[in-house]
């Protein structure tokens, strides 16, 4: 898994695997899902972070497991 915050694009990208992306779909305004050939979600992109979060919130990343 990879998590990337692209300040120049004002976006967050979460990559779930290494398989090739064959299709992308905007499921809500500013939320894009990437699918592989089997139709599984392999990436999630959230656009317009600047209006979704404050700069201070972007400085903190919490990772939780159950």
C-alpha atoms as a PDB file:
ATOM      1  CA  UNK A   1       0.000   0.000   0.000  1.00  0.00           C
ATOM      2  CA  UNK A   2       1.141   3.511  -0.765  1.00  0.00           C
ATOM      3  CA  UNK A   3      -0.262   6.824   0.368  1.00  0.00           C
ATOM      4  CA  UNK A   4       0.744  10.031  -1.376  1.00  0.00           C
ATOM      5  CA  UNK A   5      -0.284  13.616  -0.773  1.00  0.00           C
ATOM      6  CA  UNK A   6       0.413  15.679  -3.883  1.00  0.00           C
ATOM      7  CA  UNK A   7       0.435  19.319  -2.787  1.00  0.00           C
ATOM      8  CA  UNK A   8       0.869  20.571  -6.346  1.00  0.00           C
ATOM      9  CA  UNK A   9      -2.333  18.741  -7.375  1.00  0.00           C
ATOM     10  CA  UNK A  10      -4.134  19.293  -4.051  1.00  0.00           C
ATOM     11  CA  UNK A  11      -4.875  15.563  -3.956  1.00  0.00           C
ATOM     12  CA  UNK A  12      -4.424  12.432  -1.870  1.00  0.00           C
ATOM     13  CA  UNK A  13      -3.824   9.099  -3.575  1.00  0.00           C
ATOM     14  CA  UNK A  14      -4.079   5.705  -1.872  1.00  0.00           C
ATOM     15  CA  UNK A  15      -2.753   2.788  -3.932  1.00  0.00           C
ATOM     16  CA  UNK A  16      -3.835  -0.680  -2.805  1.00  0.00           C
ATOM     17  CA  UNK A  17      -1.675  -2.813  -5.066  1.00  0.00           C
ATOM     18  CA  UNK A  18       0.624  -2.990  -8.058  1.00  0.00           C
ATOM     19  CA  UNK A  19      -1.814  -4.314 -10.681  1.00  0.00           C
ATOM     20  CA  UNK A  20      -2.453  -2.193 -13.755  1.00  0.00           C
ATOM     21  CA  UNK A  21      -5.274   0.330 -13.750  1.00  0.00           C
ATOM     22  CA  UNK A  22      -7.662  -0.247 -16.640  1.00  0.00           C
ATOM     23  CA  UNK A  23     -10.520   2.053 -15.661  1.00  0.00           C
ATOM     24  CA  UNK A  24     -11.184   5.022 -13.392  1.00  0.00           C
ATOM     25  CA  UNK A  25     -14.540   6.301 -12.219  1.00  0.00           C
ATOM     26  CA  UNK A  26     -15.465   9.456 -10.323  1.00  0.00           C
ATOM     27  CA  UNK A  27     -17.949   8.061  -7.795  1.00  0.00           C
ATOM     28  CA  UNK A  28     -18.604  11.412  -6.090  1.00  0.00           C
ATOM     29  CA  UNK A  29     -17.360  14.888  -6.929  1.00  0.00           C
ATOM     30  CA  UNK A  30     -13.618  14.788  -6.329  1.00  0.00           C
ATOM     31  CA  UNK A  31     -13.450  11.082  -5.412  1.00  0.00           C
ATOM     32  CA  UNK A  32     -12.011   8.781  -8.087  1.00  0.00           C
ATOM     33  CA  UNK A  33     -11.708   4.994  -7.872  1.00  0.00           C
ATOM     34  CA  UNK A  34      -9.191   3.105 -10.028  1.00  0.00           C
ATOM     35  CA  UNK A  35     -10.020  -0.456 -11.089  1.00  0.00           C
ATOM     36  CA  UNK A  36      -7.857  -3.309 -12.365  1.00  0.00           C
ATOM     37  CA  UNK A  37      -8.804  -5.792 -15.109  1.00  0.00           C
ATOM     38  CA  UNK A  38     -10.727  -7.949 -12.592  1.00  0.00           C
ATOM     39  CA  UNK A  39     -12.886  -4.975 -11.572  1.00  0.00           C
ATOM     40  CA  UNK A  40     -11.278  -4.642  -8.136  1.00  0.00           C
ATOM     41  CA  UNK A  41     -10.510  -1.233  -6.646  1.00  0.00           C
ATOM     42  CA  UNK A  42      -6.728  -0.725  -6.636  1.00  0.00           C
ATOM     43  CA  UNK A  43      -6.562   3.025  -6.061  1.00  0.00           C
ATOM     44  CA  UNK A  44      -8.501   5.856  -4.474  1.00  0.00           C
ATOM     45  CA  UNK A  45      -7.887   9.516  -5.289  1.00  0.00           C
ATOM     46  CA  UNK A  46      -9.382  12.383  -3.321  1.00  0.00           C
ATOM     47  CA  UNK A  47      -9.152  15.761  -5.030  1.00  0.00           C
ATOM     48  CA  UNK A  48      -9.416  19.279  -3.601  1.00  0.00           C
ATOM     49  CA  UNK A  49      -7.871  18.486  -0.226  1.00  0.00           C
ATOM     50  CA  UNK A  50      -7.578  22.195   0.490  1.00  0.00           C
ATOM     51  CA  UNK A  51     -11.347  22.502   0.866  1.00  0.00           C
ATOM     52  CA  UNK A  52     -11.755  19.143   2.669  1.00  0.00           C
ATOM     53  CA  UNK A  53      -9.049  19.513   5.324  1.00  0.00           C
ATOM     54  CA  UNK A  54      -7.042  22.198   7.069  1.00  0.00           C
ATOM     55  CA  UNK A  55      -3.266  22.382   6.538  1.00  0.00           C
ATOM     56  CA  UNK A  56      -2.744  21.189  10.125  1.00  0.00           C
ATOM     57  CA  UNK A  57      -4.875  18.104   9.494  1.00  0.00           C
ATOM     58  CA  UNK A  58      -2.718  17.222   6.494  1.00  0.00           C
ATOM     59  CA  UNK A  59       0.382  17.147   8.713  1.00  0.00           C
ATOM     60  CA  UNK A  60      -0.908  14.201  10.763  1.00  0.00           C
ATOM     61  CA  UNK A  61      -1.285  10.649   9.480  1.00  0.00           C
ATOM     62  CA  UNK A  62      -2.727   7.997  11.768  1.00  0.00           C
ATOM     63  CA  UNK A  63      -2.532   4.350  10.927  1.00  0.00           C
ATOM     64  CA  UNK A  64      -4.837   2.043  12.866  1.00  0.00           C
ATOM     65  CA  UNK A  65      -5.347  -1.697  12.741  1.00  0.00           C
ATOM     66  CA  UNK A  66      -7.970  -3.750  14.533  1.00  0.00           C
END
